[in-house]
């Protein structure tokens, strides 16, 4: 009999500001990242949007406001680098509303990049590169599935 698996869940937010898209760089790995993070155990049975809003508050500051579309547009598997634990990444679309970004110690860089010309290979690697490419492809092809707020 096979053993059931245990998996972590990471939520990431793809934040758009008109034709710009927010990218971050992880302070430790120096690789591209997006706002968001893993769901804490005590958050699992709660509204997961509360968890992702907590992550935005922690990573982008108390004055940053974005409207998050509640239905994910991306579900993808990967392994967490530290410990190689299996993980599911869930991606949400969001629109920037207001506020200045105040990055946490987790990120050392942020930039609003042009969706039509951005080359994610410069900053992103692995599963995050795949996720960002999928997002950009949807945006560039004007695919409105789950991107309408």
N, C-alpha and C. Protein backbone atom coordinates (compact mmCIF):
# COMPACT_ATOMS: atom_id res chain seq x y z
N UNK A 1 0.84 -1.18 0.00
CA UNK A 1 0.00 0.00 0.00
C UNK A 1 0.89 1.25 0.00
N UNK A 2 0.59 2.16 -0.89
CA UNK A 2 1.37 3.38 -0.99
C UNK A 2 1.00 4.37 0.10
N UNK A 3 2.00 5.12 0.52
CA UNK A 3 1.83 6.12 1.57
C UNK A 3 1.30 7.42 0.97
N UNK A 4 0.32 8.03 1.65
CA UNK A 4 -0.17 9.34 1.21
C UNK A 4 0.92 10.38 1.38
N UNK A 5 0.94 11.35 0.47
CA UNK A 5 1.96 12.39 0.53
C UNK A 5 1.51 13.59 1.35
N UNK A 6 2.49 14.34 1.80
CA UNK A 6 2.26 15.61 2.48
C UNK A 6 2.92 16.69 1.64
N UNK A 7 2.19 17.78 1.39
CA UNK A 7 2.66 18.80 0.47
C UNK A 7 2.48 20.18 1.08
N UNK A 8 3.38 21.06 0.75
CA UNK A 8 3.24 22.46 1.13
C UNK A 8 2.49 23.19 0.02
N UNK A 9 1.88 24.30 0.38
CA UNK A 9 1.15 25.11 -0.60
C UNK A 9 1.73 26.52 -0.59
N UNK A 10 2.16 26.97 -1.76
CA UNK A 10 2.67 28.33 -1.93
C UNK A 10 1.69 29.11 -2.77
N UNK A 11 1.36 30.31 -2.33
CA UNK A 11 0.51 31.21 -3.11
C UNK A 11 1.35 32.38 -3.61
N UNK A 12 1.24 32.69 -4.88
CA UNK A 12 1.95 33.82 -5.47
C UNK A 12 0.94 34.73 -6.17
N UNK A 13 1.24 36.04 -6.14
CA UNK A 13 0.34 37.01 -6.73
C UNK A 13 1.05 37.71 -7.89
N UNK A 14 0.40 37.69 -9.04
CA UNK A 14 0.87 38.34 -10.25
C UNK A 14 0.16 39.70 -10.31
N UNK A 15 0.87 40.75 -9.91
CA UNK A 15 0.24 42.07 -9.76
C UNK A 15 0.51 42.92 -10.99
N UNK A 16 -0.58 43.43 -11.53
CA UNK A 16 -0.52 44.24 -12.75
C UNK A 16 -0.90 45.69 -12.44
N UNK A 17 -0.17 46.60 -13.08
CA UNK A 17 -0.44 48.04 -12.99
C UNK A 17 -0.45 48.54 -14.42
N UNK A 18 -1.66 48.59 -15.01
CA UNK A 18 -1.84 48.90 -16.43
C UNK A 18 -1.07 47.88 -17.26
N UNK A 19 -0.04 48.28 -18.02
CA UNK A 19 0.72 47.32 -18.82
C UNK A 19 2.03 46.92 -18.14
N UNK A 20 2.09 47.11 -16.83
CA UNK A 20 3.29 46.76 -16.08
C UNK A 20 2.98 45.61 -15.12
N UNK A 21 4.00 44.87 -14.78
CA UNK A 21 3.88 43.68 -13.95
C UNK A 21 4.99 43.75 -12.89
N UNK A 22 4.66 43.48 -11.63
CA UNK A 22 5.60 43.59 -10.53
C UNK A 22 6.47 42.34 -10.39
N UNK A 23 7.80 42.54 -10.43
CA UNK A 23 8.73 41.45 -10.16
C UNK A 23 9.61 41.82 -8.98
N UNK A 24 9.99 40.82 -8.21
CA UNK A 24 10.86 40.98 -7.05
C UNK A 24 12.09 40.09 -7.24
N UNK A 25 13.11 40.32 -6.42
CA UNK A 25 14.26 39.42 -6.40
C UNK A 25 14.47 38.95 -4.96
N UNK A 26 14.59 37.64 -4.82
CA UNK A 26 14.82 37.03 -3.51
C UNK A 26 16.20 37.43 -2.99
N UNK A 27 16.23 37.88 -1.75
CA UNK A 27 17.47 38.38 -1.15
C UNK A 27 18.52 37.30 -0.99
N UNK A 28 18.11 36.06 -0.70
CA UNK A 28 19.08 34.97 -0.49
C UNK A 28 19.60 34.40 -1.81
N UNK A 29 18.68 33.99 -2.67
CA UNK A 29 19.08 33.29 -3.89
C UNK A 29 19.43 34.23 -5.05
N UNK A 30 18.99 35.49 -4.95
CA UNK A 30 19.19 36.50 -6.01
C UNK A 30 18.47 36.10 -7.30
N UNK A 31 17.40 35.33 -7.17
CA UNK A 31 16.58 34.87 -8.29
C UNK A 31 15.23 35.56 -8.22
N UNK A 32 14.59 35.72 -9.37
CA UNK A 32 13.28 36.35 -9.44
C UNK A 32 12.25 35.70 -8.54
N UNK A 33 11.33 36.51 -8.06
CA UNK A 33 10.28 36.04 -7.17
C UNK A 33 9.06 36.93 -7.37
N UNK A 34 7.95 36.50 -6.83
CA UNK A 34 6.71 37.26 -6.83
C UNK A 34 6.23 37.37 -5.40
N UNK A 35 5.39 38.34 -5.11
CA UNK A 35 4.86 38.44 -3.75
C UNK A 35 4.05 37.19 -3.41
N UNK A 36 4.18 36.76 -2.17
CA UNK A 36 3.43 35.60 -1.72
C UNK A 36 4.31 34.67 -0.92
N UNK A 37 3.75 33.54 -0.54
CA UNK A 37 4.52 32.58 0.24
C UNK A 37 3.66 31.39 0.63
N UNK A 38 4.24 30.57 1.49
CA UNK A 38 3.56 29.34 1.89
C UNK A 38 2.46 29.61 2.91
N UNK A 39 1.43 28.81 2.82
CA UNK A 39 0.32 28.89 3.78
C UNK A 39 0.78 28.27 5.08
N UNK A 40 0.58 28.99 6.18
CA UNK A 40 0.90 28.45 7.50
C UNK A 40 -0.12 27.38 7.88
N UNK A 41 0.30 26.45 8.71
CA UNK A 41 -0.58 25.35 9.10
C UNK A 41 -1.88 25.85 9.72
N UNK A 42 -1.82 26.90 10.54
CA UNK A 42 -3.03 27.42 11.19
C UNK A 42 -3.93 28.19 10.22
N UNK A 43 -3.47 28.43 8.99
CA UNK A 43 -4.28 29.13 7.99
C UNK A 43 -4.97 28.17 7.01
N UNK A 44 -4.63 26.90 7.08
CA UNK A 44 -5.09 25.95 6.06
C UNK A 44 -6.62 25.89 5.96
N UNK A 45 -7.32 25.87 7.06
CA UNK A 45 -8.78 25.73 7.03
C UNK A 45 -9.50 27.08 7.03
N UNK A 46 -8.75 28.15 6.87
CA UNK A 46 -9.33 29.50 6.78
C UNK A 46 -9.40 29.92 5.32
N UNK A 47 -9.87 31.12 5.09
CA UNK A 47 -9.89 31.70 3.75
C UNK A 47 -8.45 31.94 3.30
N UNK A 48 -8.03 31.30 2.22
CA UNK A 48 -6.65 31.42 1.76
C UNK A 48 -6.32 32.83 1.27
N UNK A 49 -7.32 33.61 0.89
CA UNK A 49 -7.05 34.99 0.49
C UNK A 49 -6.57 35.83 1.68
N UNK A 50 -6.99 35.46 2.88
CA UNK A 50 -6.49 36.14 4.08
C UNK A 50 -4.99 35.88 4.20
N UNK A 51 -4.58 34.65 3.93
CA UNK A 51 -3.17 34.29 3.98
C UNK A 51 -2.36 35.07 2.95
N UNK A 52 -2.87 35.17 1.74
CA UNK A 52 -2.11 35.88 0.69
C UNK A 52 -2.08 37.38 0.98
N UNK A 53 -3.13 37.92 1.56
CA UNK A 53 -3.10 39.34 1.94
C UNK A 53 -2.08 39.59 3.05
N UNK A 54 -1.94 38.63 3.96
CA UNK A 54 -0.91 38.72 5.00
C UNK A 54 0.47 38.78 4.36
N UNK A 55 0.70 37.92 3.37
CA UNK A 55 1.99 37.90 2.68
C UNK A 55 2.25 39.23 1.97
N UNK A 56 1.24 39.80 1.32
CA UNK A 56 1.43 41.09 0.65
C UNK A 56 1.78 42.17 1.65
N UNK A 57 1.11 42.16 2.79
CA UNK A 57 1.39 43.14 3.84
C UNK A 57 2.84 43.00 4.32
N UNK A 58 3.27 41.75 4.56
CA UNK A 58 4.62 41.50 5.05
C UNK A 58 5.69 41.86 4.01
N UNK A 59 5.44 41.56 2.75
CA UNK A 59 6.47 41.70 1.72
C UNK A 59 6.45 43.04 0.99
N UNK A 60 5.29 43.70 0.93
CA UNK A 60 5.19 44.94 0.16
C UNK A 60 4.86 46.16 1.01
N UNK A 61 4.57 45.95 2.27
CA UNK A 61 4.34 47.07 3.18
C UNK A 61 2.88 47.34 3.47
N UNK A 62 2.67 48.12 4.52
CA UNK A 62 1.32 48.40 5.01
C UNK A 62 0.52 49.33 4.12
N UNK A 63 1.19 50.12 3.27
CA UNK A 63 0.49 51.08 2.42
C UNK A 63 0.15 50.55 1.03
N UNK A 64 0.68 49.38 0.69
CA UNK A 64 0.45 48.82 -0.64
C UNK A 64 -0.92 48.14 -0.69
N UNK A 65 -1.71 48.48 -1.72
CA UNK A 65 -3.05 47.90 -1.86
C UNK A 65 -3.21 47.35 -3.27
N UNK A 66 -3.68 46.10 -3.35
CA UNK A 66 -3.97 45.46 -4.63
C UNK A 66 -5.28 44.70 -4.51
N UNK A 67 -6.01 44.64 -5.61
CA UNK A 67 -7.26 43.88 -5.68
C UNK A 67 -6.94 42.50 -6.25
N UNK A 68 -7.15 41.46 -5.45
CA UNK A 68 -6.81 40.10 -5.85
C UNK A 68 -8.04 39.40 -6.41
N UNK A 69 -7.91 38.86 -7.62
CA UNK A 69 -8.98 38.05 -8.20
C UNK A 69 -9.00 36.72 -7.44
N UNK A 70 -10.13 36.32 -6.85
CA UNK A 70 -10.14 35.18 -5.93
C UNK A 70 -9.95 33.80 -6.56
N UNK A 71 -10.15 33.68 -7.86
CA UNK A 71 -9.98 32.37 -8.50
C UNK A 71 -8.56 32.26 -9.05
N UNK A 72 -7.81 31.23 -8.68
CA UNK A 72 -6.46 31.07 -9.20
C UNK A 72 -6.48 30.83 -10.72
N UNK A 73 -5.43 31.31 -11.39
CA UNK A 73 -5.31 31.03 -12.82
C UNK A 73 -4.20 30.03 -13.06
N UNK A 74 -3.44 29.69 -12.02
CA UNK A 74 -2.29 28.81 -12.18
C UNK A 74 -2.20 27.84 -11.01
N UNK A 75 -1.99 26.58 -11.32
CA UNK A 75 -1.67 25.57 -10.32
C UNK A 75 -0.51 24.77 -10.90
N UNK A 76 0.58 24.71 -10.15
CA UNK A 76 1.79 24.10 -10.68
C UNK A 76 2.54 23.41 -9.54
N UNK A 77 3.20 22.31 -9.83
CA UNK A 77 3.96 21.61 -8.79
C UNK A 77 5.45 21.97 -8.89
N UNK A 78 6.11 21.90 -7.73
CA UNK A 78 7.55 22.12 -7.68
C UNK A 78 8.08 21.60 -6.35
N UNK A 79 9.38 21.70 -6.15
CA UNK A 79 9.99 21.34 -4.87
C UNK A 79 10.56 22.59 -4.23
N UNK A 80 10.32 22.74 -2.94
CA UNK A 80 10.89 23.84 -2.18
C UNK A 80 12.39 23.61 -2.12
N UNK A 81 13.17 24.63 -2.45
CA UNK A 81 14.63 24.47 -2.52
C UNK A 81 15.22 23.97 -1.21
N UNK A 82 14.85 24.60 -0.10
CA UNK A 82 15.36 24.15 1.20
C UNK A 82 14.59 22.90 1.61
N UNK A 83 15.24 21.76 1.61
CA UNK A 83 14.63 20.51 2.03
C UNK A 83 14.00 19.70 0.92
N UNK A 84 13.85 20.28 -0.27
CA UNK A 84 13.28 19.58 -1.43
C UNK A 84 11.89 18.99 -1.15
N UNK A 85 11.10 19.69 -0.34
CA UNK A 85 9.74 19.24 -0.03
C UNK A 85 8.84 19.48 -1.24
N UNK A 86 7.95 18.52 -1.54
CA UNK A 86 7.00 18.74 -2.63
C UNK A 86 6.04 19.87 -2.28
N UNK A 87 5.71 20.67 -3.27
CA UNK A 87 4.89 21.85 -3.03
C UNK A 87 4.01 22.12 -4.24
N UNK A 88 2.88 22.71 -3.99
CA UNK A 88 1.97 23.16 -5.05
C UNK A 88 1.97 24.68 -5.01
N UNK A 89 2.19 25.31 -6.15
CA UNK A 89 2.12 26.77 -6.24
C UNK A 89 0.77 27.13 -6.85
N UNK A 90 0.10 28.09 -6.24
CA UNK A 90 -1.18 28.59 -6.73
C UNK A 90 -0.97 30.06 -7.08
N UNK A 91 -1.29 30.41 -8.32
CA UNK A 91 -1.09 31.78 -8.78
C UNK A 91 -2.39 32.54 -8.92
N UNK A 92 -2.40 33.77 -8.40
CA UNK A 92 -3.56 34.65 -8.46
C UNK A 92 -3.21 35.91 -9.26
N UNK A 93 -4.18 36.44 -9.94
CA UNK A 93 -4.06 37.72 -10.61
C UNK A 93 -4.50 38.82 -9.67
N UNK A 94 -3.87 39.98 -9.82
CA UNK A 94 -4.24 41.13 -8.99
C UNK A 94 -3.98 42.41 -9.77
N UNK A 95 -4.72 43.44 -9.42
CA UNK A 95 -4.51 44.77 -9.98
C UNK A 95 -4.02 45.69 -8.87
N UNK A 96 -3.00 46.46 -9.19
CA UNK A 96 -2.49 47.47 -8.26
C UNK A 96 -3.57 48.53 -8.06
N UNK A 97 -3.77 48.94 -6.81
CA UNK A 97 -4.74 49.99 -6.49
C UNK A 97 -4.00 51.26 -6.06
N UNK A 98 -3.13 51.14 -5.04
CA UNK A 98 -2.44 52.34 -4.55
C UNK A 98 -1.30 51.94 -3.61
N UNK A 99 -0.52 52.95 -3.25
CA UNK A 99 0.52 52.78 -2.23
C UNK A 99 1.90 52.50 -2.78
N UNK A 100 2.86 52.94 -2.00
CA UNK A 100 4.27 52.70 -2.34
C UNK A 100 4.70 51.34 -1.80
N UNK A 101 5.64 50.71 -2.50
CA UNK A 101 6.17 49.42 -2.07
C UNK A 101 7.29 49.64 -1.06
N UNK A 102 7.20 48.91 0.05
CA UNK A 102 8.24 48.88 1.07
C UNK A 102 8.64 47.42 1.21
N UNK A 103 9.71 47.00 0.53
CA UNK A 103 10.07 45.58 0.55
C UNK A 103 10.57 45.15 1.92
N UNK A 104 10.32 43.89 2.23
CA UNK A 104 10.80 43.30 3.47
C UNK A 104 12.24 42.82 3.25
N UNK A 105 12.81 42.21 4.27
CA UNK A 105 14.17 41.66 4.16
C UNK A 105 14.23 40.48 3.22
N UNK A 106 13.07 39.91 2.85
CA UNK A 106 13.06 38.76 1.94
C UNK A 106 13.48 39.13 0.52
N UNK A 107 13.27 40.39 0.15
CA UNK A 107 13.56 40.83 -1.22
C UNK A 107 14.48 42.04 -1.21
N UNK A 108 15.41 42.08 -2.16
CA UNK A 108 16.35 43.20 -2.21
C UNK A 108 16.15 44.08 -3.44
N UNK A 109 15.11 43.78 -4.22
CA UNK A 109 14.91 44.50 -5.48
C UNK A 109 13.47 44.32 -5.93
N UNK A 110 12.89 45.35 -6.50
CA UNK A 110 11.59 45.22 -7.17
C UNK A 110 11.59 46.14 -8.37
N UNK A 111 10.75 45.79 -9.33
CA UNK A 111 10.61 46.62 -10.53
C UNK A 111 9.26 46.34 -11.18
N UNK A 112 8.66 47.41 -11.71
CA UNK A 112 7.47 47.26 -12.55
C UNK A 112 8.00 47.12 -13.97
N UNK A 113 7.78 45.97 -14.60
CA UNK A 113 8.31 45.71 -15.93
C UNK A 113 7.19 45.72 -16.96
N UNK A 114 7.53 46.06 -18.19
CA UNK A 114 6.58 46.12 -19.29
C UNK A 114 6.19 44.70 -19.72
N UNK A 115 4.92 44.38 -19.64
CA UNK A 115 4.44 43.04 -19.98
C UNK A 115 4.77 42.67 -21.43
N UNK A 116 4.70 43.63 -22.33
CA UNK A 116 4.89 43.32 -23.75
C UNK A 116 6.34 43.04 -24.13
N UNK A 117 7.31 43.51 -23.33
CA UNK A 117 8.71 43.34 -23.71
C UNK A 117 9.57 42.60 -22.68
N UNK A 118 9.05 42.34 -21.52
CA UNK A 118 9.86 41.75 -20.45
C UNK A 118 10.36 40.36 -20.81
N UNK A 119 11.65 40.13 -20.55
CA UNK A 119 12.28 38.82 -20.77
C UNK A 119 12.58 38.20 -19.40
N UNK A 120 11.74 37.30 -18.92
CA UNK A 120 11.88 36.79 -17.55
C UNK A 120 13.11 35.91 -17.32
N UNK A 121 13.71 35.39 -18.38
CA UNK A 121 14.88 34.52 -18.23
C UNK A 121 16.06 35.22 -17.57
N UNK A 122 16.06 36.55 -17.63
CA UNK A 122 17.15 37.32 -17.02
C UNK A 122 17.15 37.17 -15.50
N UNK A 123 15.99 37.09 -14.90
CA UNK A 123 15.86 37.09 -13.44
C UNK A 123 15.32 35.78 -12.87
N UNK A 124 14.40 35.14 -13.57
CA UNK A 124 13.70 33.97 -13.04
C UNK A 124 14.34 32.67 -13.49
N UNK A 125 14.15 31.63 -12.67
CA UNK A 125 14.67 30.30 -12.97
C UNK A 125 13.60 29.26 -12.60
N UNK A 126 13.74 28.07 -13.16
CA UNK A 126 12.94 26.92 -12.75
C UNK A 126 11.44 27.12 -12.82
N UNK A 127 10.75 26.66 -11.78
CA UNK A 127 9.29 26.68 -11.76
C UNK A 127 8.74 28.10 -11.82
N UNK A 128 9.44 29.07 -11.21
CA UNK A 128 8.93 30.45 -11.26
C UNK A 128 9.07 31.02 -12.67
N UNK A 129 10.12 30.63 -13.39
CA UNK A 129 10.26 31.06 -14.78
C UNK A 129 9.09 30.51 -15.60
N UNK A 130 8.75 29.25 -15.41
CA UNK A 130 7.61 28.66 -16.13
C UNK A 130 6.32 29.40 -15.80
N UNK A 131 6.10 29.71 -14.53
CA UNK A 131 4.88 30.41 -14.11
C UNK A 131 4.81 31.81 -14.72
N UNK A 132 5.92 32.55 -14.68
CA UNK A 132 5.93 33.91 -15.22
C UNK A 132 5.74 33.88 -16.74
N UNK A 133 6.36 32.93 -17.42
CA UNK A 133 6.17 32.81 -18.87
C UNK A 133 4.70 32.54 -19.21
N UNK A 134 4.06 31.69 -18.43
CA UNK A 134 2.64 31.40 -18.66
C UNK A 134 1.81 32.68 -18.49
N UNK A 135 2.07 33.42 -17.41
CA UNK A 135 1.35 34.67 -17.16
C UNK A 135 1.55 35.66 -18.30
N UNK A 136 2.79 35.86 -18.70
CA UNK A 136 3.08 36.81 -19.78
C UNK A 136 2.43 36.38 -21.08
N UNK A 137 2.44 35.09 -21.36
CA UNK A 137 1.81 34.59 -22.58
C UNK A 137 0.31 34.87 -22.58
N UNK A 138 -0.34 34.68 -21.44
CA UNK A 138 -1.77 34.98 -21.32
C UNK A 138 -2.01 36.46 -21.55
N UNK A 139 -1.21 37.29 -20.90
CA UNK A 139 -1.38 38.75 -21.04
C UNK A 139 -1.11 39.21 -22.47
N UNK A 140 -0.06 38.70 -23.08
CA UNK A 140 0.33 39.13 -24.42
C UNK A 140 -0.66 38.68 -25.49
N UNK A 141 -1.35 37.59 -25.23
CA UNK A 141 -2.34 37.09 -26.18
C UNK A 141 -3.74 37.58 -25.85
N UNK A 142 -3.82 38.50 -24.91
CA UNK A 142 -5.10 39.07 -24.48
C UNK A 142 -6.11 38.01 -24.09
N UNK A 143 -5.63 36.92 -23.53
CA UNK A 143 -6.50 35.87 -23.03
C UNK A 143 -7.11 36.36 -21.73
N UNK A 144 -8.40 36.58 -21.73
CA UNK A 144 -9.07 37.19 -20.59
C UNK A 144 -9.55 36.19 -19.55
N UNK A 145 -9.22 34.92 -19.73
CA UNK A 145 -9.64 33.92 -18.76
C UNK A 145 -9.01 34.24 -17.41
N UNK A 146 -9.81 34.50 -16.44
CA UNK A 146 -9.41 34.78 -15.06
C UNK A 146 -8.53 36.01 -14.91
N UNK A 147 -8.34 36.80 -15.95
CA UNK A 147 -7.53 38.00 -15.81
C UNK A 147 -8.42 39.23 -15.65
N UNK A 148 -9.70 39.07 -15.89
CA UNK A 148 -10.62 40.20 -15.73
C UNK A 148 -10.93 40.36 -14.25
N UNK A 149 -10.82 41.58 -13.77
CA UNK A 149 -11.06 41.84 -12.35
C UNK A 149 -12.45 42.43 -12.19
